[in-house]
Amino acid sequence: MLKKGMATMGPITLQWSQMPPLLLRIATNPFVVAGLVVYMAGVVFWLAVLSRVDLSYAYPFASLGYVTMLAASWLLFREPISPLRLLGTLIICAGVLIVSRS
């Protein structure tokens, strides 16, 4: 949602004189607002996980976000996925599988 919201705004520049109108455009973009809400919900779930399991067990599962984003970027934005990127993602999945068995 954050990507879609920012893509609708076009390329932005971070010049001090343009900050107030830029921040207003960002804050009123429904996709950006929805993306931030989803992001905050993810933080709440992450905190719940951290309260229950060891960090060394939980953190590798956070890398599954890379897998999810790779799939989402391909499905939603039609971004190309190179074989090397796919291999890296499969290595991440293998690592999570190994950690989950420990």
PDB file of N, CA and C in Angstrom:
ATOM      1  N   MET A   1       0.821  -1.193   0.000  1.00  0.00           N
ATOM      2  CA  MET A   1       0.000   0.000   0.000  1.00  0.00           C
ATOM      3  C   MET A   1       0.871   1.265   0.000  1.00  0.00           C
ATOM      4  N   LEU A   2       1.962   1.197   0.761  1.00  0.00           N
ATOM      5  CA  LEU A   2       2.868   2.344   0.780  1.00  0.00           C
ATOM      6  C   LEU A   2       3.463   2.579  -0.607  1.00  0.00           C
ATOM      7  N   LYS A   3       3.857   1.508  -1.258  1.00  0.00           N
ATOM      8  CA  LYS A   3       4.427   1.620  -2.607  1.00  0.00           C
ATOM      9  C   LYS A   3       3.410   2.204  -3.581  1.00  0.00           C
ATOM     10  N   LYS A   4       2.184   1.710  -3.535  1.00  0.00           N
ATOM     11  CA  LYS A   4       1.155   2.215  -4.451  1.00  0.00           C
ATOM     12  C   LYS A   4       0.878   3.691  -4.179  1.00  0.00           C
ATOM     13  N   GLY A   5       0.775   4.045  -2.909  1.00  0.00           N
ATOM     14  CA  GLY A   5       0.514   5.437  -2.559  1.00  0.00           C
ATOM     15  C   GLY A   5       1.613   6.372  -3.032  1.00  0.00           C
ATOM     16  N   MET A   6       2.850   5.973  -2.834  1.00  0.00           N
ATOM     17  CA  MET A   6       3.950   6.829  -3.251  1.00  0.00           C
ATOM     18  C   MET A   6       4.111   6.831  -4.769  1.00  0.00           C
ATOM     19  N   ALA A   7       3.770   5.724  -5.414  1.00  0.00           N
ATOM     20  CA  ALA A   7       3.844   5.685  -6.880  1.00  0.00           C
ATOM     21  C   ALA A   7       2.827   6.634  -7.499  1.00  0.00           C
ATOM     22  N   THR A   8       1.676   6.813  -6.857  1.00  0.00           N
ATOM     23  CA  THR A   8       0.677   7.737  -7.394  1.00  0.00           C
ATOM     24  C   THR A   8       1.118   9.190  -7.260  1.00  0.00           C
ATOM     25  N   MET A   9       2.071   9.438  -6.363  1.00  0.00           N
ATOM     26  CA  MET A   9       2.554  10.807  -6.161  1.00  0.00           C
ATOM     27  C   MET A   9       3.660  11.172  -7.145  1.00  0.00           C
ATOM     28  N   GLY A  10       4.261  10.174  -7.772  1.00  0.00           N
ATOM     29  CA  GLY A  10       5.381  10.438  -8.664  1.00  0.00           C
ATOM     30  C   GLY A  10       6.652  10.654  -7.872  1.00  0.00           C
ATOM     31  N   PRO A  11       7.762  10.880  -8.562  1.00  0.00           N
ATOM     32  CA  PRO A  11       9.035  11.097  -7.866  1.00  0.00           C
ATOM     33  C   PRO A  11       8.968  12.353  -6.993  1.00  0.00           C
ATOM     34  N   ILE A  12       9.492  12.233  -5.798  1.00  0.00           N
ATOM     35  CA  ILE A  12       9.485  13.391  -4.906  1.00  0.00           C
ATOM     36  C   ILE A  12      10.916  13.832  -4.644  1.00  0.00           C
ATOM     37  N   THR A  13      11.074  15.097  -4.310  1.00  0.00           N
ATOM     38  CA  THR A  13      12.369  15.630  -3.920  1.00  0.00           C
ATOM     39  C   THR A  13      12.276  16.076  -2.470  1.00  0.00           C
ATOM     40  N   LEU A  14      13.361  15.939  -1.760  1.00  0.00           N
ATOM     41  CA  LEU A  14      13.374  16.282  -0.347  1.00  0.00           C
ATOM     42  C   LEU A  14      14.045  17.634  -0.143  1.00  0.00           C
ATOM     43  N   GLN A  15      13.398  18.675  -0.648  1.00  0.00           N
ATOM     44  CA  GLN A  15      13.887  20.028  -0.459  1.00  0.00           C
ATOM     45  C   GLN A  15      13.104  20.670   0.677  1.00  0.00           C
ATOM     46  N   TRP A  16      13.809  21.351   1.551  1.00  0.00           N
ATOM     47  CA  TRP A  16      13.201  21.920   2.739  1.00  0.00           C
ATOM     48  C   TRP A  16      12.004  22.818   2.408  1.00  0.00           C
ATOM     49  N   SER A  17      12.102  23.590   1.365  1.00  0.00           N
ATOM     50  CA  SER A  17      11.015  24.512   1.016  1.00  0.00           C
ATOM     51  C   SER A  17       9.752  23.785   0.567  1.00  0.00           C
ATOM     52  N   GLN A  18       9.901  22.542   0.102  1.00  0.00           N
ATOM     53  CA  GLN A  18       8.748  21.778  -0.379  1.00  0.00           C
ATOM     54  C   GLN A  18       8.210  20.791   0.661  1.00  0.00           C
ATOM     55  N   MET A  19       8.794  20.762   1.854  1.00  0.00           N
ATOM     56  CA  MET A  19       8.393  19.779   2.863  1.00  0.00           C
ATOM     57  C   MET A  19       6.946  19.921   3.334  1.00  0.00           C
ATOM     58  N   PRO A  20       6.489  21.104   3.736  1.00  0.00           N
ATOM     59  CA  PRO A  20       5.101  21.173   4.241  1.00  0.00           C
ATOM     60  C   PRO A  20       4.054  20.676   3.243  1.00  0.00           C
ATOM     61  N   PRO A  21       4.070  21.123   1.975  1.00  0.00           N
ATOM     62  CA  PRO A  21       3.055  20.592   1.051  1.00  0.00           C
ATOM     63  C   PRO A  21       3.260  19.105   0.745  1.00  0.00           C
ATOM     64  N   LEU A  22       4.517  18.660   0.721  1.00  0.00           N
ATOM     65  CA  LEU A  22       4.790  17.244   0.475  1.00  0.00           C
ATOM     66  C   LEU A  22       4.250  16.385   1.610  1.00  0.00           C
ATOM     67  N   LEU A  23       4.515  16.782   2.846  1.00  0.00           N
ATOM     68  CA  LEU A  23       4.013  16.022   3.991  1.00  0.00           C
ATOM     69  C   LEU A  23       2.482  16.001   4.026  1.00  0.00           C
ATOM     70  N   LEU A  24       1.858  17.091   3.628  1.00  0.00           N
ATOM     71  CA  LEU A  24       0.395  17.136   3.565  1.00  0.00           C
ATOM     72  C   LEU A  24      -0.124  16.174   2.503  1.00  0.00           C
ATOM     73  N   ARG A  25       0.526  16.145   1.337  1.00  0.00           N
ATOM     74  CA  ARG A  25       0.115  15.204   0.286  1.00  0.00           C
ATOM     75  C   ARG A  25       0.277  13.761   0.742  1.00  0.00           C
ATOM     76  N   ILE A  26       1.385  13.478   1.424  1.00  0.00           N
ATOM     77  CA  ILE A  26       1.616  12.121   1.914  1.00  0.00           C
ATOM     78  C   ILE A  26       0.578  11.750   2.968  1.00  0.00           C
ATOM     79  N   ALA A  27       0.324  12.662   3.905  1.00  0.00           N
ATOM     80  CA  ALA A  27      -0.597  12.382   5.013  1.00  0.00           C
ATOM     81  C   ALA A  27      -2.042  12.243   4.561  1.00  0.00           C
ATOM     82  N   THR A  28      -2.370  12.772   3.397  1.00  0.00           N
ATOM     83  CA  THR A  28      -3.751  12.685   2.913  1.00  0.00           C
ATOM     84  C   THR A  28      -3.926  11.652   1.803  1.00  0.00           C
ATOM     85  N   ASN A  29      -2.864  10.941   1.480  1.00  0.00           N
ATOM     86  CA  ASN A  29      -2.951   9.887   0.470  1.00  0.00           C
ATOM     87  C   ASN A  29      -3.548   8.642   1.128  1.00  0.00           C
ATOM     88  N   PRO A  30      -4.709   8.176   0.674  1.00  0.00           N
ATOM     89  CA  PRO A  30      -5.364   7.049   1.340  1.00  0.00           C
ATOM     90  C   PRO A  30      -4.547   5.759   1.332  1.00  0.00           C
ATOM     91  N   PHE A  31      -3.772   5.533   0.280  1.00  0.00           N
ATOM     92  CA  PHE A  31      -2.946   4.322   0.241  1.00  0.00           C
ATOM     93  C   PHE A  31      -1.816   4.400   1.268  1.00  0.00           C
ATOM     94  N   VAL A  32      -1.214   5.564   1.408  1.00  0.00           N
ATOM     95  CA  VAL A  32      -0.140   5.733   2.390  1.00  0.00           C
ATOM     96  C   VAL A  32      -0.695   5.580   3.800  1.00  0.00           C
ATOM     97  N   VAL A  33      -1.828   6.195   4.068  1.00  0.00           N
ATOM     98  CA  VAL A  33      -2.439   6.089   5.399  1.00  0.00           C
ATOM     99  C   VAL A  33      -2.786   4.631   5.708  1.00  0.00           C
ATOM    100  N   ALA A  34      -3.393   3.942   4.759  1.00  0.00           N
ATOM    101  CA  ALA A  34      -3.742   2.528   4.966  1.00  0.00           C
ATOM    102  C   ALA A  34      -2.478   1.685   5.157  1.00  0.00           C
ATOM    103  N   GLY A  35      -1.438   1.971   4.395  1.00  0.00           N
ATOM    104  CA  GLY A  35      -0.180   1.248   4.540  1.00  0.00           C
ATOM    105  C   GLY A  35       0.436   1.451   5.907  1.00  0.00           C
ATOM    106  N   LEU A  36       0.363   2.662   6.432  1.00  0.00           N
ATOM    107  CA  LEU A  36       0.887   2.931   7.769  1.00  0.00           C
ATOM    108  C   LEU A  36       0.079   2.224   8.845  1.00  0.00           C
ATOM    109  N   VAL A  37      -1.226   2.125   8.652  1.00  0.00           N
ATOM    110  CA  VAL A  37      -2.066   1.391   9.605  1.00  0.00           C
ATOM    111  C   VAL A  37      -1.690  -0.092   9.603  1.00  0.00           C
ATOM    112  N   VAL A  38      -1.509  -0.656   8.429  1.00  0.00           N
ATOM    113  CA  VAL A  38      -1.102  -2.064   8.325  1.00  0.00           C
ATOM    114  C   VAL A  38       0.274  -2.258   8.951  1.00  0.00           C
ATOM    115  N   TYR A  39       1.178  -1.324   8.719  1.00  0.00           N
ATOM    116  CA  TYR A  39       2.519  -1.394   9.294  1.00  0.00           C
ATOM    117  C   TYR A  39       2.443  -1.375  10.825  1.00  0.00           C
ATOM    118  N   MET A  40       1.616  -0.504  11.370  1.00  0.00           N
ATOM    119  CA  MET A  40       1.457  -0.425  12.830  1.00  0.00           C
ATOM    120  C   MET A  40       0.867  -1.716  13.382  1.00  0.00           C
ATOM    121  N   ALA A  41      -0.081  -2.312  12.677  1.00  0.00           N
ATOM    122  CA  ALA A  41      -0.646  -3.584  13.110  1.00  0.00           C
ATOM    123  C   ALA A  41       0.435  -4.662  13.112  1.00  0.00           C
ATOM    124  N   GLY A  42       1.301  -4.636  12.130  1.00  0.00           N
ATOM    125  CA  GLY A  42       2.406  -5.579  12.087  1.00  0.00           C
ATOM    126  C   GLY A  42       3.339  -5.429  13.279  1.00  0.00           C
ATOM    127  N   VAL A  43       3.573  -4.193  13.692  1.00  0.00           N
ATOM    128  CA  VAL A  43       4.412  -3.946  14.872  1.00  0.00           C
ATOM    129  C   VAL A  43       3.763  -4.532  16.115  1.00  0.00           C
ATOM    130  N   VAL A  44       2.455  -4.382  16.253  1.00  0.00           N
ATOM    131  CA  VAL A  44       1.748  -4.940  17.404  1.00  0.00           C
ATOM    132  C   VAL A  44       1.885  -6.460  17.426  1.00  0.00           C
ATOM    133  N   PHE A  45       1.698  -7.102  16.280  1.00  0.00           N
ATOM    134  CA  PHE A  45       1.853  -8.561  16.211  1.00  0.00           C
ATOM    135  C   PHE A  45       3.286  -8.979  16.512  1.00  0.00           C
ATOM    136  N   TRP A  46       4.254  -8.212  16.020  1.00  0.00           N
ATOM    137  CA  TRP A  46       5.656  -8.520  16.273  1.00  0.00           C
ATOM    138  C   TRP A  46       5.952  -8.443  17.774  1.00  0.00           C
ATOM    139  N   LEU A  47       5.424  -7.425  18.436  1.00  0.00           N
ATOM    140  CA  LEU A  47       5.619  -7.302  19.880  1.00  0.00           C
ATOM    141  C   LEU A  47       4.984  -8.464  20.628  1.00  0.00           C
ATOM    142  N   ALA A  48       3.826  -8.910  20.158  1.00  0.00           N
ATOM    143  CA  ALA A  48       3.175 -10.073  20.779  1.00  0.00           C
ATOM    144  C   ALA A  48       4.035 -11.315  20.620  1.00  0.00           C
ATOM    145  N   VAL A  49       4.618 -11.493  19.456  1.00  0.00           N
ATOM    146  CA  VAL A  49       5.500 -12.642  19.219  1.00  0.00           C
ATOM    147  C   VAL A  49       6.715 -12.564  20.143  1.00  0.00           C
ATOM    148  N   LEU A  50       7.323 -11.382  20.243  1.00  0.00           N
ATOM    149  CA  LEU A  50       8.511 -11.225  21.079  1.00  0.00           C
ATOM    150  C   LEU A  50       8.222 -11.480  22.553  1.00  0.00           C
ATOM    151  N   SER A  51       6.985 -11.278  22.965  1.00  0.00           N
ATOM    152  CA  SER A  51       6.642 -11.535  24.361  1.00  0.00           C
ATOM    153  C   SER A  51       6.496 -13.027  24.651  1.00  0.00           C
ATOM    154  N   ARG A  52       6.466 -13.844  23.615  1.00  0.00           N
ATOM    155  CA  ARG A  52       6.196 -15.274  23.797  1.00  0.00           C
ATOM    156  C   ARG A  52       7.368 -16.199  23.462  1.00  0.00           C
ATOM    157  N   VAL A  53       8.237 -15.804  22.531  1.00  0.00           N
ATOM    158  CA  VAL A  53       9.298 -16.719  22.104  1.00  0.00           C
ATOM    159  C   VAL A  53      10.652 -16.016  22.151  1.00  0.00           C
ATOM    160  N   ASP A  54      11.712 -16.805  22.091  1.00  0.00           N
ATOM    161  CA  ASP A  54      13.067 -16.263  22.067  1.00  0.00           C
ATOM    162  C   ASP A  54      13.294 -15.478  20.783  1.00  0.00           C
ATOM    163  N   LEU A  55      14.061 -14.414  20.891  1.00  0.00           N
ATOM    164  CA  LEU A  55      14.368 -13.583  19.735  1.00  0.00           C
ATOM    165  C   LEU A  55      15.113 -14.372  18.664  1.00  0.00           C
ATOM    166  N   SER A  56      16.004 -15.259  19.092  1.00  0.00           N
ATOM    167  CA  SER A  56      16.773 -16.042  18.125  1.00  0.00           C
ATOM    168  C   SER A  56      15.892 -16.996  17.330  1.00  0.00           C
ATOM    169  N   TYR A  57      14.718 -17.306  17.846  1.00  0.00           N
ATOM    170  CA  TYR A  57      13.758 -18.144  17.115  1.00  0.00           C
ATOM    171  C   TYR A  57      12.825 -17.277  16.264  1.00  0.00           C
ATOM    172  N   ALA A  58      12.388 -16.155  16.817  1.00  0.00           N
ATOM    173  CA  ALA A  58      11.401 -15.311  16.134  1.00  0.00           C
ATOM    174  C   ALA A  58      11.995 -14.528  14.968  1.00  0.00           C
ATOM    175  N   TYR A  59      13.202 -14.032  15.132  1.00  0.00           N
ATOM    176  CA  TYR A  59      13.739 -13.119  14.134  1.00  0.00           C
ATOM    177  C   TYR A  59      13.901 -13.729  12.745  1.00  0.00           C
ATOM    178  N   PRO A  60      14.340 -14.970  12.618  1.00  0.00           N
ATOM    179  CA  PRO A  60      14.408 -15.537  11.264  1.00  0.00           C
ATOM    180  C   PRO A  60      13.050 -15.553  10.554  1.00  0.00           C
ATOM    181  N   PHE A  61      11.969 -15.668  11.310  1.00  0.00           N
ATOM    182  CA  PHE A  61      10.651 -15.647  10.677  1.00  0.00           C
ATOM    183  C   PHE A  61      10.323 -14.264  10.119  1.00  0.00           C
ATOM    184  N   ALA A  62      10.927 -13.231  10.674  1.00  0.00           N
ATOM    185  CA  ALA A  62      10.728 -11.883  10.142  1.00  0.00           C
ATOM    186  C   ALA A  62      11.260 -11.782   8.713  1.00  0.00           C
ATOM    187  N   SER A  63      12.250 -12.608   8.384  1.00  0.00           N
ATOM    188  CA  SER A  63      12.791 -12.576   7.025  1.00  0.00           C
ATOM    189  C   SER A  63      11.794 -13.095   5.998  1.00  0.00           C
ATOM    190  N   LEU A  64      10.745 -13.745   6.456  1.00  0.00           N
ATOM    191  CA  LEU A  64       9.701 -14.171   5.516  1.00  0.00           C
ATOM    192  C   LEU A  64       8.990 -12.973   4.890  1.00  0.00           C
ATOM    193  N   GLY A  65       9.167 -11.803   5.506  1.00  0.00           N
ATOM    194  CA  GLY A  65       8.653 -10.580   4.896  1.00  0.00           C
ATOM    195  C   GLY A  65       9.271 -10.332   3.531  1.00  0.00           C
ATOM    196  N   TYR A  66      10.542 -10.722   3.366  1.00  0.00           N
ATOM    197  CA  TYR A  66      11.195 -10.594   2.059  1.00  0.00           C
ATOM    198  C   TYR A  66      10.508 -11.478   1.029  1.00  0.00           C
ATOM    199  N   VAL A  67      10.140 -12.673   1.454  1.00  0.00           N
ATOM    200  CA  VAL A  67       9.459 -13.603   0.551  1.00  0.00           C
ATOM    201  C   VAL A  67       8.096 -13.037   0.151  1.00  0.00           C
ATOM    202  N   THR A  68       7.373 -12.536   1.136  1.00  0.00           N
ATOM    203  CA  THR A  68       6.054 -11.956   0.895  1.00  0.00           C
ATOM    204  C   THR A  68       6.154 -10.751  -0.043  1.00  0.00           C
ATOM    205  N   MET A  69       7.135  -9.880   0.190  1.00  0.00           N
ATOM    206  CA  MET A  69       7.285  -8.689  -0.644  1.00  0.00           C
ATOM    207  C   MET A  69       7.705  -9.039  -2.065  1.00  0.00           C
ATOM    208  N   LEU A  70       8.514 -10.083  -2.207  1.00  0.00           N
ATOM    209  CA  LEU A  70       8.890 -10.514  -3.559  1.00  0.00           C
ATOM    210  C   LEU A  70       7.648 -10.960  -4.321  1.00  0.00           C
ATOM    211  N   ALA A  71       6.825 -11.776  -3.680  1.00  0.00           N
ATOM    212  CA  ALA A  71       5.601 -12.252  -4.328  1.00  0.00           C
ATOM    213  C   ALA A  71       4.638 -11.091  -4.600  1.00  0.00           C
ATOM    214  N   ALA A  72       4.487 -10.192  -3.636  1.00  0.00           N
ATOM    215  CA  ALA A  72       3.568  -9.060  -3.803  1.00  0.00           C
ATOM    216  C   ALA A  72       4.041  -8.119  -4.908  1.00  0.00           C
ATOM    217  N   SER A  73       5.350  -7.872  -4.969  1.00  0.00           N
ATOM    218  CA  SER A  73       5.839  -6.968  -6.015  1.00  0.00           C
ATOM    219  C   SER A  73       5.612  -7.557  -7.403  1.00  0.00           C
ATOM    220  N   TRP A  74       5.705  -8.870  -7.498  1.00  0.00           N
ATOM    221  CA  TRP A  74       5.466  -9.531  -8.788  1.00  0.00           C
ATOM    222  C   TRP A  74       3.974  -9.546  -9.115  1.00  0.00           C
ATOM    223  N   LEU A  75       3.141  -9.902  -8.133  1.00  0.00           N
ATOM    224  CA  LEU A  75       1.697 -10.013  -8.379  1.00  0.00           C
ATOM    225  C   LEU A  75       1.015  -8.659  -8.552  1.00  0.00           C
ATOM    226  N   LEU A  76       1.360  -7.705  -7.694  1.00  0.00           N
ATOM    227  CA  LEU A  76       0.639  -6.432  -7.691  1.00  0.00           C
ATOM    228  C   LEU A  76       1.224  -5.391  -8.641  1.00  0.00           C
ATOM    229  N   PHE A  77       2.546  -5.367  -8.742  1.00  0.00           N
ATOM    230  CA  PHE A  77       3.184  -4.312  -9.525  1.00  0.00           C
ATOM    231  C   PHE A  77       3.852  -4.818 -10.792  1.00  0.00           C
ATOM    232  N   ARG A  78       3.754  -6.125 -11.030  1.00  0.00           N
ATOM    233  CA  ARG A  78       4.330  -6.740 -12.226  1.00  0.00           C
ATOM    234  C   ARG A  78       5.831  -6.465 -12.353  1.00  0.00           C
ATOM    235  N   GLU A  79       6.513  -6.385 -11.196  1.00  0.00           N
ATOM    236  CA  GLU A  79       7.957  -6.186 -11.217  1.00  0.00           C
ATOM    237  C   GLU A  79       8.629  -7.495 -11.617  1.00  0.00           C
ATOM    238  N   PRO A  80       9.672  -7.421 -12.420  1.00  0.00           N
ATOM    239  CA  PRO A  80      10.358  -8.661 -12.834  1.00  0.00           C
ATOM    240  C   PRO A  80      11.144  -9.262 -11.667  1.00  0.00           C
ATOM    241  N   ILE A  81      11.217 -10.585 -11.649  1.00  0.00           N
ATOM    242  CA  ILE A  81      11.989 -11.291 -10.624  1.00  0.00           C
ATOM    243  C   ILE A  81      13.104 -12.050 -11.334  1.00  0.00           C
ATOM    244  N   SER A  82      14.314 -11.679 -11.028  1.00  0.00           N
ATOM    245  CA  SER A  82      15.454 -12.343 -11.661  1.00  0.00           C
ATOM    246  C   SER A  82      15.673 -13.714 -11.027  1.00  0.00           C
ATOM    247  N   PRO A  83      16.312 -14.614 -11.761  1.00  0.00           N
ATOM    248  CA  PRO A  83      16.612 -15.933 -11.184  1.00  0.00           C
ATOM    249  C   PRO A  83      17.454 -15.840  -9.912  1.00  0.00           C
ATOM    250  N   LEU A  84      18.376 -14.882  -9.858  1.00  0.00           N
ATOM    251  CA  LEU A  84      19.215 -14.719  -8.680  1.00  0.00           C
ATOM    252  C   LEU A  84      18.390 -14.279  -7.466  1.00  0.00           C
ATOM    253  N   ARG A  85      17.435 -13.386  -7.682  1.00  0.00           N
ATOM    254  CA  ARG A  85      16.539 -12.948  -6.604  1.00  0.00           C
ATOM    255  C   ARG A  85      15.686 -14.110  -6.113  1.00  0.00           C
ATOM    256  N   LEU A  86      15.205 -14.908  -7.048  1.00  0.00           N
ATOM    257  CA  LEU A  86      14.407 -16.083  -6.681  1.00  0.00           C
ATOM    258  C   LEU A  86      15.246 -17.073  -5.884  1.00  0.00           C
ATOM    259  N   LEU A  87      16.486 -17.286  -6.298  1.00  0.00           N
ATOM    260  CA  LEU A  87      17.380 -18.182  -5.558  1.00  0.00           C
ATOM    261  C   LEU A  87      17.609 -17.668  -4.143  1.00  0.00           C
ATOM    262  N   GLY A  88      17.850 -16.386  -4.014  1.00  0.00           N
ATOM    263  CA  GLY A  88      18.038 -15.796  -2.678  1.00  0.00           C
ATOM    264  C   GLY A  88      16.827 -15.991  -1.800  1.00  0.00           C
ATOM    265  N   THR A  89      15.654 -15.851  -2.368  1.00  0.00           N
ATOM    266  CA  THR A  89      14.417 -16.040  -1.621  1.00  0.00           C
ATOM    267  C   THR A  89      14.261 -17.492  -1.184  1.00  0.00           C
ATOM    268  N   LEU A  90      14.625 -18.417  -2.053  1.00  0.00           N
ATOM    269  CA  LEU A  90      14.564 -19.836  -1.680  1.00  0.00           C
ATOM    270  C   LEU A  90      15.560 -20.159  -0.575  1.00  0.00           C
ATOM    271  N   ILE A  91      16.703 -19.511  -0.580  1.00  0.00           N
ATOM    272  CA  ILE A  91      17.691 -19.709   0.487  1.00  0.00           C
ATOM    273  C   ILE A  91      17.139 -19.184   1.811  1.00  0.00           C
ATOM    274  N   ILE A  92      16.457 -18.046   1.771  1.00  0.00           N
ATOM    275  CA  ILE A  92      15.813 -17.525   2.980  1.00  0.00           C
ATOM    276  C   ILE A  92      14.805 -18.529   3.521  1.00  0.00           C
ATOM    277  N   CYS A  93      13.973 -19.070   2.639  1.00  0.00           N
ATOM    278  CA  CYS A  93      12.979 -20.056   3.073  1.00  0.00           C
ATOM    279  C   CYS A  93      13.636 -21.285   3.695  1.00  0.00           C
ATOM    280  N   ALA A  94      14.744 -21.725   3.097  1.00  0.00           N
ATOM    281  CA  ALA A  94      15.461 -22.881   3.644  1.00  0.00           C
ATOM    282  C   ALA A  94      16.009 -22.545   5.034  1.00  0.00           C
ATOM    283  N   GLY A  95      16.529 -21.360   5.200  1.00  0.00           N
ATOM    284  CA  GLY A  95      17.035 -20.948   6.513  1.00  0.00           C
ATOM    285  C   GLY A  95      15.951 -20.916   7.571  1.00  0.00           C
ATOM    286  N   VAL A  96      14.796 -20.388   7.211  1.00  0.00           N
ATOM    287  CA  VAL A  96      13.674 -20.363   8.162  1.00  0.00           C
ATOM    288  C   VAL A  96      13.242 -21.773   8.505  1.00  0.00           C
ATOM    289  N   LEU A  97      13.223 -22.651   7.523  1.00  0.00           N
ATOM    290  CA  LEU A  97      12.857 -24.052   7.780  1.00  0.00           C
ATOM    291  C   LEU A  97      13.842 -24.708   8.753  1.00  0.00           C
ATOM    292  N   ILE A  98      15.116 -24.450   8.560  1.00  0.00           N
ATOM    293  CA  ILE A  98      16.125 -25.009   9.458  1.00  0.00           C
ATOM    294  C   ILE A  98      15.949 -24.478  10.880  1.00  0.00           C
ATOM    295  N   VAL A  99      15.722 -23.177  11.019  1.00  0.00           N
ATOM    296  CA  VAL A  99      15.536 -22.592  12.344  1.00  0.00           C
ATOM    297  C   VAL A  99      14.274 -23.133  13.007  1.00  0.00           C
ATOM    298  N   SER A 100      13.218 -23.312  12.224  1.00  0.00           N
ATOM    299  CA  SER A 100      11.950 -23.781  12.801  1.00  0.00           C
ATOM    300  C   SER A 100      12.061 -25.209  13.333  1.00  0.00           C
ATOM    301  N   ARG A 101      13.002 -25.963  12.836  1.00  0.00           N
ATOM    302  CA  ARG A 101      13.179 -27.351  13.283  1.00  0.00           C
ATOM    303  C   ARG A 101      14.027 -27.440  14.544  1.00  0.00           C
ATOM    304  N   SER A 102      14.688 -26.337  14.918  1.00  0.00           N
ATOM    305  CA  SER A 102      15.565 -26.388  16.087  1.00  0.00           C
ATOM    306  C   SER A 102      14.821 -26.186  17.397  1.00  0.00           C
TER     307      SER A 102
END
